[in-house]
Amino acid sequence: MEEPSGRIGKTDGEFSVAQFFQNGGYEYVRRYVGIDEAIRAYQFYTNNVAARFGMVVKVIVTDGGDDTNMEWQYGRGMVYPTKEVIERSLAEQEANKTEE
């Protein structure tokens, strides 16, 4: 079934969290969890000892369509969504509320 977004088989409400290491390897630390669990894992894996010392160089949260929803990088912090993307999203949400 094709959706308006163009993605096929998109799954809403399922998120995965992966951490990437200096050596190029990676591991999924959560798979197919709800948004609350994904955010808790993202916060943990971006603030633990491995992240602070640079052993972990990137942490991402992806949705069921495999789109990146959040990204943290060692030495840079959260790089996605950017401040501009967050502000635009909040403005769109506010505009949708006034239309209802």
PDB file of N, CA and C in Angstrom:
ATOM      1  N   MET A   1       0.835  -1.177   0.000  1.00  0.00           N
ATOM      2  CA  MET A   1       0.000   0.000   0.000  1.00  0.00           C
ATOM      3  C   MET A   1       0.880   1.240   0.000  1.00  0.00           C
ATOM      4  N   GLU A   2       0.741   2.077  -0.982  1.00  0.00           N
ATOM      5  CA  GLU A   2       1.543   3.290  -1.063  1.00  0.00           C
ATOM      6  C   GLU A   2       0.813   4.421  -0.362  1.00  0.00           C
ATOM      7  N   GLU A   3       1.584   5.182   0.425  1.00  0.00           N
ATOM      8  CA  GLU A   3       1.017   6.288   1.190  1.00  0.00           C
ATOM      9  C   GLU A   3       1.335   7.601   0.504  1.00  0.00           C
ATOM     10  N   PRO A   4       0.636   8.690   0.867  1.00  0.00           N
ATOM     11  CA  PRO A   4       0.889   9.990   0.247  1.00  0.00           C
ATOM     12  C   PRO A   4       2.348  10.432   0.340  1.00  0.00           C
ATOM     13  N   SER A   5       3.058   9.992   1.381  1.00  0.00           N
ATOM     14  CA  SER A   5       4.457  10.377   1.540  1.00  0.00           C
ATOM     15  C   SER A   5       5.340   9.707   0.502  1.00  0.00           C
ATOM     16  N   GLY A   6       4.800   8.687  -0.181  1.00  0.00           N
ATOM     17  CA  GLY A   6       5.591   7.956  -1.159  1.00  0.00           C
ATOM     18  C   GLY A   6       6.246   6.728  -0.567  1.00  0.00           C
ATOM     19  N   ARG A   7       6.184   6.591   0.749  1.00  0.00           N
ATOM     20  CA  ARG A   7       6.771   5.428   1.387  1.00  0.00           C
ATOM     21  C   ARG A   7       5.794   4.268   1.321  1.00  0.00           C
ATOM     22  N   ILE A   8       6.329   3.088   1.215  1.00  0.00           N
ATOM     23  CA  ILE A   8       5.509   1.893   1.171  1.00  0.00           C
ATOM     24  C   ILE A   8       5.680   1.147   2.489  1.00  0.00           C
ATOM     25  N   GLY A   9       4.575   0.823   3.141  1.00  0.00           N
ATOM     26  CA  GLY A   9       4.641   0.041   4.365  1.00  0.00           C
ATOM     27  C   GLY A   9       5.160   0.784   5.573  1.00  0.00           C
ATOM     28  N   LYS A  10       4.995   2.067   5.623  1.00  0.00           N
ATOM     29  CA  LYS A  10       5.432   2.863   6.764  1.00  0.00           C
ATOM     30  C   LYS A  10       4.718   2.385   8.025  1.00  0.00           C
ATOM     31  N   THR A  11       5.463   2.284   9.107  1.00  0.00           N
ATOM     32  CA  THR A  11       4.895   1.872  10.380  1.00  0.00           C
ATOM     33  C   THR A  11       4.963   3.053  11.342  1.00  0.00           C
ATOM     34  N   ASP A  12       3.823   3.501  11.809  1.00  0.00           N
ATOM     35  CA  ASP A  12       3.792   4.605  12.760  1.00  0.00           C
ATOM     36  C   ASP A  12       3.941   4.076  14.174  1.00  0.00           C
ATOM     37  N   GLY A  13       4.577   4.870  15.037  1.00  0.00           N
ATOM     38  CA  GLY A  13       4.657   4.534  16.444  1.00  0.00           C
ATOM     39  C   GLY A  13       5.738   3.545  16.809  1.00  0.00           C
ATOM     40  N   GLU A  14       6.568   3.150  15.868  1.00  0.00           N
ATOM     41  CA  GLU A  14       7.671   2.247  16.165  1.00  0.00           C
ATOM     42  C   GLU A  14       8.975   2.955  15.851  1.00  0.00           C
ATOM     43  N   PHE A  15       9.865   2.965  16.841  1.00  0.00           N
ATOM     44  CA  PHE A  15      11.130   3.666  16.700  1.00  0.00           C
ATOM     45  C   PHE A  15      12.277   2.746  17.081  1.00  0.00           C
ATOM     46  N   SER A  16      13.432   3.016  16.502  1.00  0.00           N
ATOM     47  CA  SER A  16      14.647   2.282  16.831  1.00  0.00           C
ATOM     48  C   SER A  16      15.741   3.295  17.166  1.00  0.00           C
ATOM     49  N   VAL A  17      16.660   2.874  18.035  1.00  0.00           N
ATOM     50  CA  VAL A  17      17.767   3.726  18.460  1.00  0.00           C
ATOM     51  C   VAL A  17      19.059   2.953  18.206  1.00  0.00           C
ATOM     52  N   ALA A  18      20.010   3.603  17.531  1.00  0.00           N
ATOM     53  CA  ALA A  18      21.289   2.963  17.236  1.00  0.00           C
ATOM     54  C   ALA A  18      22.426   3.858  17.699  1.00  0.00           C
ATOM     55  N   GLN A  19      23.501   3.216  18.163  1.00  0.00           N
ATOM     56  CA  GLN A  19      24.711   3.972  18.494  1.00  0.00           C
ATOM     57  C   GLN A  19      25.838   3.506  17.579  1.00  0.00           C
ATOM     58  N   PHE A  20      26.668   4.454  17.180  1.00  0.00           N
ATOM     59  CA  PHE A  20      27.767   4.209  16.249  1.00  0.00           C
ATOM     60  C   PHE A  20      29.092   4.445  16.973  1.00  0.00           C
ATOM     61  N   PHE A  21      30.071   3.589  16.695  1.00  0.00           N
ATOM     62  CA  PHE A  21      31.342   3.621  17.406  1.00  0.00           C
ATOM     63  C   PHE A  21      32.469   4.189  16.551  1.00  0.00           C
ATOM     64  N   GLN A  22      33.565   4.538  17.219  1.00  0.00           N
ATOM     65  CA  GLN A  22      34.748   5.091  16.545  1.00  0.00           C
ATOM     66  C   GLN A  22      35.253   4.180  15.434  1.00  0.00           C
ATOM     67  N   ASN A  23      35.177   2.881  15.639  1.00  0.00           N
ATOM     68  CA  ASN A  23      35.735   1.934  14.666  1.00  0.00           C
ATOM     69  C   ASN A  23      34.842   1.704  13.454  1.00  0.00           C
ATOM     70  N   GLY A  24      33.707   2.424  13.382  1.00  0.00           N
ATOM     71  CA  GLY A  24      32.809   2.278  12.246  1.00  0.00           C
ATOM     72  C   GLY A  24      31.667   1.303  12.486  1.00  0.00           C
ATOM     73  N   GLY A  25      31.731   0.561  13.573  1.00  0.00           N
ATOM     74  CA  GLY A  25      30.659  -0.372  13.890  1.00  0.00           C
ATOM     75  C   GLY A  25      29.462   0.341  14.500  1.00  0.00           C
ATOM     76  N   TYR A  26      28.367  -0.369  14.605  1.00  0.00           N
ATOM     77  CA  TYR A  26      27.175   0.188  15.237  1.00  0.00           C
ATOM     78  C   TYR A  26      26.360  -0.937  15.836  1.00  0.00           C
ATOM     79  N   GLU A  27      25.431  -0.570  16.713  1.00  0.00           N
ATOM     80  CA  GLU A  27      24.488  -1.533  17.255  1.00  0.00           C
ATOM     81  C   GLU A  27      23.169  -0.842  17.547  1.00  0.00           C
ATOM     82  N   TYR A  28      22.094  -1.579  17.349  1.00  0.00           N
ATOM     83  CA  TYR A  28      20.783  -1.088  17.755  1.00  0.00           C
ATOM     84  C   TYR A  28      20.633  -1.362  19.237  1.00  0.00           C
ATOM     85  N   VAL A  29      20.314  -0.327  19.994  1.00  0.00           N
ATOM     86  CA  VAL A  29      20.130  -0.489  21.433  1.00  0.00           C
ATOM     87  C   VAL A  29      18.652  -0.602  21.787  1.00  0.00           C
ATOM     88  N   ARG A  30      17.779  -0.204  20.880  1.00  0.00           N
ATOM     89  CA  ARG A  30      16.332  -0.401  20.992  1.00  0.00           C
ATOM     90  C   ARG A  30      15.787  -0.619  19.586  1.00  0.00           C
ATOM     91  N   ARG A  31      14.845  -1.528  19.472  1.00  0.00           N
ATOM     92  CA  ARG A  31      14.202  -1.787  18.184  1.00  0.00           C
ATOM     93  C   ARG A  31      12.697  -1.828  18.386  1.00  0.00           C
ATOM     94  N   TYR A  32      11.976  -1.141  17.520  1.00  0.00           N
ATOM     95  CA  TYR A  32      10.516  -1.213  17.473  1.00  0.00           C
ATOM     96  C   TYR A  32       9.859  -0.896  18.817  1.00  0.00           C
ATOM     97  N   VAL A  33      10.288   0.216  19.416  1.00  0.00           N
ATOM     98  CA  VAL A  33       9.716   0.657  20.690  1.00  0.00           C
ATOM     99  C   VAL A  33       8.900   1.917  20.463  1.00  0.00           C
ATOM    100  N   GLY A  34       8.111   2.293  21.447  1.00  0.00           N
ATOM    101  CA  GLY A  34       7.340   3.524  21.375  1.00  0.00           C
ATOM    102  C   GLY A  34       8.231   4.742  21.520  1.00  0.00           C
ATOM    103  N   ILE A  35       7.658   5.906  21.276  1.00  0.00           N
ATOM    104  CA  ILE A  35       8.433   7.146  21.296  1.00  0.00           C
ATOM    105  C   ILE A  35       9.028   7.438  22.670  1.00  0.00           C
ATOM    106  N   ASP A  36       8.291   7.171  23.745  1.00  0.00           N
ATOM    107  CA  ASP A  36       8.813   7.450  25.088  1.00  0.00           C
ATOM    108  C   ASP A  36      10.061   6.632  25.384  1.00  0.00           C
ATOM    109  N   GLU A  37      10.024   5.346  25.073  1.00  0.00           N
ATOM    110  CA  GLU A  37      11.181   4.484  25.301  1.00  0.00           C
ATOM    111  C   GLU A  37      12.348   4.900  24.405  1.00  0.00           C
ATOM    112  N   ALA A  38      12.067   5.284  23.167  1.00  0.00           N
ATOM    113  CA  ALA A  38      13.126   5.725  22.253  1.00  0.00           C
ATOM    114  C   ALA A  38      13.806   6.991  22.776  1.00  0.00           C
ATOM    115  N   ILE A  39      13.023   7.929  23.289  1.00  0.00           N
ATOM    116  CA  ILE A  39      13.605   9.171  23.823  1.00  0.00           C
ATOM    117  C   ILE A  39      14.444   8.883  25.059  1.00  0.00           C
ATOM    118  N   ARG A  40      13.953   8.016  25.940  1.00  0.00           N
ATOM    119  CA  ARG A  40      14.737   7.661  27.137  1.00  0.00           C
ATOM    120  C   ARG A  40      16.065   7.027  26.738  1.00  0.00           C
ATOM    121  N   ALA A  41      16.039   6.128  25.764  1.00  0.00           N
ATOM    122  CA  ALA A  41      17.270   5.481  25.305  1.00  0.00           C
ATOM    123  C   ALA A  41      18.207   6.499  24.667  1.00  0.00           C
ATOM    124  N   TYR A  42      17.669   7.398  23.838  1.00  0.00           N
ATOM    125  CA  TYR A  42      18.473   8.449  23.200  1.00  0.00           C
ATOM    126  C   TYR A  42      19.171   9.293  24.265  1.00  0.00           C
ATOM    127  N   GLN A  43      18.434   9.692  25.286  1.00  0.00           N
ATOM    128  CA  GLN A  43      19.016  10.505  26.356  1.00  0.00           C
ATOM    129  C   GLN A  43      20.106   9.742  27.092  1.00  0.00           C
ATOM    130  N   PHE A  44      19.858   8.472  27.372  1.00  0.00           N
ATOM    131  CA  PHE A  44      20.856   7.663  28.064  1.00  0.00           C
ATOM    132  C   PHE A  44      22.123   7.505  27.225  1.00  0.00           C
ATOM    133  N   TYR A  45      21.970   7.089  25.974  1.00  0.00           N
ATOM    134  CA  TYR A  45      23.135   6.782  25.141  1.00  0.00           C
ATOM    135  C   TYR A  45      23.888   8.019  24.653  1.00  0.00           C
ATOM    136  N   THR A  46      23.304   9.196  24.773  1.00  0.00           N
ATOM    137  CA  THR A  46      24.041  10.419  24.431  1.00  0.00           C
ATOM    138  C   THR A  46      24.692  11.054  25.653  1.00  0.00           C
ATOM    139  N   ASN A  47      24.430  10.511  26.837  1.00  0.00           N
ATOM    140  CA  ASN A  47      24.988  11.077  28.069  1.00  0.00           C
ATOM    141  C   ASN A  47      25.781  10.083  28.894  1.00  0.00           C
ATOM    142  N   ASN A  48      25.963   8.864  28.402  1.00  0.00           N
ATOM    143  CA  ASN A  48      26.704   7.882  29.194  1.00  0.00           C
ATOM    144  C   ASN A  48      28.216   8.079  29.031  1.00  0.00           C
ATOM    145  N   VAL A  49      28.988   7.277  29.749  1.00  0.00           N
ATOM    146  CA  VAL A  49      30.448   7.414  29.751  1.00  0.00           C
ATOM    147  C   VAL A  49      31.036   7.237  28.348  1.00  0.00           C
ATOM    148  N   ALA A  50      30.547   6.262  27.604  1.00  0.00           N
ATOM    149  CA  ALA A  50      31.082   6.007  26.258  1.00  0.00           C
ATOM    150  C   ALA A  50      30.881   7.211  25.347  1.00  0.00           C
ATOM    151  N   ALA A  51      29.750   7.882  25.470  1.00  0.00           N
ATOM    152  CA  ALA A  51      29.482   9.075  24.657  1.00  0.00           C
ATOM    153  C   ALA A  51      30.354  10.243  25.114  1.00  0.00           C
ATOM    154  N   ARG A  52      30.498  10.404  26.401  1.00  0.00           N
ATOM    155  CA  ARG A  52      31.302  11.516  26.940  1.00  0.00           C
ATOM    156  C   ARG A  52      32.772  11.418  26.560  1.00  0.00           C
ATOM    157  N   PHE A  53      33.290  10.179  26.440  1.00  0.00           N
ATOM    158  CA  PHE A  53      34.694   9.991  26.097  1.00  0.00           C
ATOM    159  C   PHE A  53      34.934   9.794  24.609  1.00  0.00           C
ATOM    160  N   GLY A  54      33.883   9.825  23.807  1.00  0.00           N
ATOM    161  CA  GLY A  54      34.043   9.736  22.363  1.00  0.00           C
ATOM    162  C   GLY A  54      34.136   8.329  21.811  1.00  0.00           C
ATOM    163  N   MET A  55      33.880   7.321  22.631  1.00  0.00           N
ATOM    164  CA  MET A  55      33.865   5.950  22.116  1.00  0.00           C
ATOM    165  C   MET A  55      32.630   5.754  21.231  1.00  0.00           C
ATOM    166  N   VAL A  56      31.538   6.413  21.598  1.00  0.00           N
ATOM    167  CA  VAL A  56      30.339   6.478  20.763  1.00  0.00           C
ATOM    168  C   VAL A  56      30.403   7.811  20.036  1.00  0.00           C
ATOM    169  N   VAL A  57      30.293   7.794  18.714  1.00  0.00           N
ATOM    170  CA  VAL A  57      30.425   9.031  17.929  1.00  0.00           C
ATOM    171  C   VAL A  57      29.102   9.536  17.377  1.00  0.00           C
ATOM    172  N   LYS A  58      28.067   8.665  17.405  1.00  0.00           N
ATOM    173  CA  LYS A  58      26.771   9.096  16.893  1.00  0.00           C
ATOM    174  C   LYS A  58      25.679   8.216  17.484  1.00  0.00           C
ATOM    175  N   VAL A  59      24.531   8.840  17.756  1.00  0.00           N
ATOM    176  CA  VAL A  59      23.335   8.118  18.194  1.00  0.00           C
ATOM    177  C   VAL A  59      22.178   8.651  17.353  1.00  0.00           C
ATOM    178  N   ILE A  60      21.368   7.744  16.808  1.00  0.00           N
ATOM    179  CA  ILE A  60      20.220   8.174  16.009  1.00  0.00           C
ATOM    180  C   ILE A  60      18.948   7.483  16.482  1.00  0.00           C
ATOM    181  N   VAL A  61      17.834   8.160  16.241  1.00  0.00           N
ATOM    182  CA  VAL A  61      16.501   7.581  16.428  1.00  0.00           C
ATOM    183  C   VAL A  61      15.856   7.561  15.060  1.00  0.00           C
ATOM    184  N   THR A  62      15.407   6.383  14.635  1.00  0.00           N
ATOM    185  CA  THR A  62      14.716   6.256  13.352  1.00  0.00           C
ATOM    186  C   THR A  62      13.292   5.775  13.597  1.00  0.00           C
ATOM    187  N   ASP A  63      12.409   6.095  12.654  1.00  0.00           N
ATOM    188  CA  ASP A  63      11.023   5.654  12.771  1.00  0.00           C
ATOM    189  C   ASP A  63      10.804   4.410  11.918  1.00  0.00           C
ATOM    190  N   GLY A  64       9.566   3.935  11.888  1.00  0.00           N
ATOM    191  CA  GLY A  64       9.233   2.719  11.154  1.00  0.00           C
ATOM    192  C   GLY A  64       9.492   2.808   9.666  1.00  0.00           C
ATOM    193  N   GLY A  65       9.567   4.030   9.123  1.00  0.00           N
ATOM    194  CA  GLY A  65       9.886   4.228   7.714  1.00  0.00           C
ATOM    195  C   GLY A  65      11.375   4.382   7.480  1.00  0.00           C
ATOM    196  N   ASP A  66      12.178   4.176   8.539  1.00  0.00           N
ATOM    197  CA  ASP A  66      13.639   4.286   8.527  1.00  0.00           C
ATOM    198  C   ASP A  66      14.127   5.713   8.284  1.00  0.00           C
ATOM    199  N   ASP A  67      13.281   6.689   8.611  1.00  0.00           N
ATOM    200  CA  ASP A  67      13.709   8.086   8.545  1.00  0.00           C
ATOM    201  C   ASP A  67      14.352   8.468   9.873  1.00  0.00           C
ATOM    202  N   THR A  68      15.415   9.253   9.815  1.00  0.00           N
ATOM    203  CA  THR A  68      16.064   9.726  11.028  1.00  0.00           C
ATOM    204  C   THR A  68      15.230  10.838  11.647  1.00  0.00           C
ATOM    205  N   ASN A  69      14.873  10.665  12.907  1.00  0.00           N
ATOM    206  CA  ASN A  69      14.082  11.653  13.632  1.00  0.00           C
ATOM    207  C   ASN A  69      14.942  12.488  14.564  1.00  0.00           C
ATOM    208  N   MET A  70      16.037  11.918  15.059  1.00  0.00           N
ATOM    209  CA  MET A  70      16.965  12.628  15.938  1.00  0.00           C
ATOM    210  C   MET A  70      18.370  12.102  15.668  1.00  0.00           C
ATOM    211  N   GLU A  71      19.348  13.001  15.769  1.00  0.00           N
ATOM    212  CA  GLU A  71      20.741  12.581  15.618  1.00  0.00           C
ATOM    213  C   GLU A  71      21.626  13.406  16.541  1.00  0.00           C
ATOM    214  N   TRP A  72      22.485  12.711  17.272  1.00  0.00           N
ATOM    215  CA  TRP A  72      23.488  13.318  18.150  1.00  0.00           C
ATOM    216  C   TRP A  72      24.853  12.889  17.634  1.00  0.00           C
ATOM    217  N   GLN A  73      25.824  13.827  17.662  1.00  0.00           N
ATOM    218  CA  GLN A  73      27.190  13.508  17.263  1.00  0.00           C
ATOM    219  C   GLN A  73      28.160  13.970  18.340  1.00  0.00           C
ATOM    220  N   TYR A  74      29.167  13.152  18.582  1.00  0.00           N
ATOM    221  CA  TYR A  74      30.193  13.488  19.571  1.00  0.00           C
ATOM    222  C   TYR A  74      30.868  14.813  19.194  1.00  0.00           C
ATOM    223  N   GLY A  75      30.984  15.682  20.165  1.00  0.00           N
ATOM    224  CA  GLY A  75      31.632  16.975  19.950  1.00  0.00           C
ATOM    225  C   GLY A  75      30.717  18.047  19.389  1.00  0.00           C
ATOM    226  N   ARG A  76      29.531  17.656  18.913  1.00  0.00           N
ATOM    227  CA  ARG A  76      28.597  18.620  18.322  1.00  0.00           C
ATOM    228  C   ARG A  76      27.260  18.662  19.053  1.00  0.00           C
ATOM    229  N   GLY A  77      26.911  17.589  19.727  1.00  0.00           N
ATOM    230  CA  GLY A  77      25.608  17.520  20.383  1.00  0.00           C
ATOM    231  C   GLY A  77      24.532  17.120  19.388  1.00  0.00           C
ATOM    232  N   MET A  78      23.302  17.528  19.677  1.00  0.00           N
ATOM    233  CA  MET A  78      22.186  17.183  18.795  1.00  0.00           C
ATOM    234  C   MET A  78      22.288  18.002  17.508  1.00  0.00           C
ATOM    235  N   VAL A  79      22.402  17.301  16.389  1.00  0.00           N
ATOM    236  CA  VAL A  79      22.531  17.981  15.097  1.00  0.00           C
ATOM    237  C   VAL A  79      21.247  17.923  14.278  1.00  0.00           C
ATOM    238  N   TYR A  80      20.340  17.011  14.660  1.00  0.00           N
ATOM    239  CA  TYR A  80      19.048  16.944  13.983  1.00  0.00           C
ATOM    240  C   TYR A  80      18.004  16.468  14.969  1.00  0.00           C
ATOM    241  N   PRO A  81      16.878  17.091  15.045  1.00  0.00           N
ATOM    242  CA  PRO A  81      16.469  18.214  14.211  1.00  0.00           C
ATOM    243  C   PRO A  81      17.178  19.490  14.632  1.00  0.00           C
ATOM    244  N   THR A  82      17.378  20.366  13.680  1.00  0.00           N
ATOM    245  CA  THR A  82      18.000  21.655  13.962  1.00  0.00           C
ATOM    246  C   THR A  82      16.984  22.562  14.653  1.00  0.00           C
ATOM    247  N   LYS A  83      17.465  23.638  15.203  1.00  0.00           N
ATOM    248  CA  LYS A  83      16.586  24.614  15.852  1.00  0.00           C
ATOM    249  C   LYS A  83      15.528  25.114  14.866  1.00  0.00           C
ATOM    250  N   GLU A  84      15.933  25.339  13.623  1.00  0.00           N
ATOM    251  CA  GLU A  84      15.008  25.839  12.604  1.00  0.00           C
ATOM    252  C   GLU A  84      13.907  24.825  12.297  1.00  0.00           C
ATOM    253  N   VAL A  85      14.273  23.556  12.223  1.00  0.00           N
ATOM    254  CA  VAL A  85      13.283  22.506  11.953  1.00  0.00           C
ATOM    255  C   VAL A  85      12.290  22.419  13.105  1.00  0.00           C
ATOM    256  N   ILE A  86      12.782  22.496  14.325  1.00  0.00           N
ATOM    257  CA  ILE A  86      11.900  22.440  15.498  1.00  0.00           C
ATOM    258  C   ILE A  86      10.948  23.628  15.494  1.00  0.00           C
ATOM    259  N   GLU A  87      11.478  24.825  15.249  1.00  0.00           N
ATOM    260  CA  GLU A  87      10.631  26.017  15.232  1.00  0.00           C
ATOM    261  C   GLU A  87       9.563  25.934  14.141  1.00  0.00           C
ATOM    262  N   ARG A  88       9.942  25.455  12.957  1.00  0.00           N
ATOM    263  CA  ARG A  88       8.986  25.320  11.857  1.00  0.00           C
ATOM    264  C   ARG A  88       7.893  24.304  12.202  1.00  0.00           C
ATOM    265  N   SER A  89       8.289  23.209  12.816  1.00  0.00           N
ATOM    266  CA  SER A  89       7.329  22.183  13.204  1.00  0.00           C
ATOM    267  C   SER A  89       6.350  22.702  14.246  1.00  0.00           C
ATOM    268  N   LEU A  90       6.865  23.451  15.224  1.00  0.00           N
ATOM    269  CA  LEU A  90       5.990  24.028  16.248  1.00  0.00           C
ATOM    270  C   LEU A  90       5.024  25.035  15.635  1.00  0.00           C
ATOM    271  N   ALA A  91       5.512  25.833  14.692  1.00  0.00           N
ATOM    272  CA  ALA A  91       4.650  26.810  14.024  1.00  0.00           C
ATOM    273  C   ALA A  91       3.556  26.106  13.217  1.00  0.00           C
ATOM    274  N   GLU A  92       3.906  25.010  12.537  1.00  0.00           N
ATOM    275  CA  GLU A  92       2.920  24.253  11.768  1.00  0.00           C
ATOM    276  C   GLU A  92       1.874  23.629  12.685  1.00  0.00           C
ATOM    277  N   GLN A  93       2.308  23.120  13.819  1.00  0.00           N
ATOM    278  CA  GLN A  93       1.368  22.533  14.788  1.00  0.00           C
ATOM    279  C   GLN A  93       0.409  23.611  15.293  1.00  0.00           C
ATOM    280  N   GLU A  94       0.950  24.778  15.576  1.00  0.00           N
ATOM    281  CA  GLU A  94       0.113  25.881  16.075  1.00  0.00           C
ATOM    282  C   GLU A  94      -0.885  26.314  15.006  1.00  0.00           C
ATOM    283  N   ALA A  95      -0.445  26.386  13.750  1.00  0.00           N
ATOM    284  CA  ALA A  95      -1.331  26.763  12.657  1.00  0.00           C
ATOM    285  C   ALA A  95      -2.442  25.723  12.475  1.00  0.00           C
ATOM    286  N   ASN A  96      -2.101  24.463  12.618  1.00  0.00           N
ATOM    287  CA  ASN A  96      -3.121  23.400  12.505  1.00  0.00           C
ATOM    288  C   ASN A  96      -4.154  23.487  13.620  1.00  0.00           C
ATOM    289  N   LYS A  97      -3.736  23.897  14.790  1.00  0.00           N
ATOM    290  CA  LYS A  97      -4.674  24.029  15.913  1.00  0.00           C
ATOM    291  C   LYS A  97      -5.697  25.132  15.633  1.00  0.00           C
ATOM    292  N   THR A  98      -5.233  26.234  15.036  1.00  0.00           N
ATOM    293  CA  THR A  98      -6.135  27.345  14.784  1.00  0.00           C
ATOM    294  C   THR A  98      -7.111  27.040  13.648  1.00  0.00           C
ATOM    295  N   GLU A  99      -6.748  26.120  12.762  1.00  0.00           N
ATOM    296  CA  GLU A  99      -7.631  25.740  11.654  1.00  0.00           C
ATOM    297  C   GLU A  99      -8.758  24.828  12.120  1.00  0.00           C
ATOM    298  N   GLU A 100      -8.536  24.114  13.223  1.00  0.00           N
ATOM    299  CA  GLU A 100      -9.528  23.142  13.700  1.00  0.00           C
ATOM    300  C   GLU A 100     -10.671  23.777  14.403  1.00  0.00           C
TER     301      GLU A 100
END
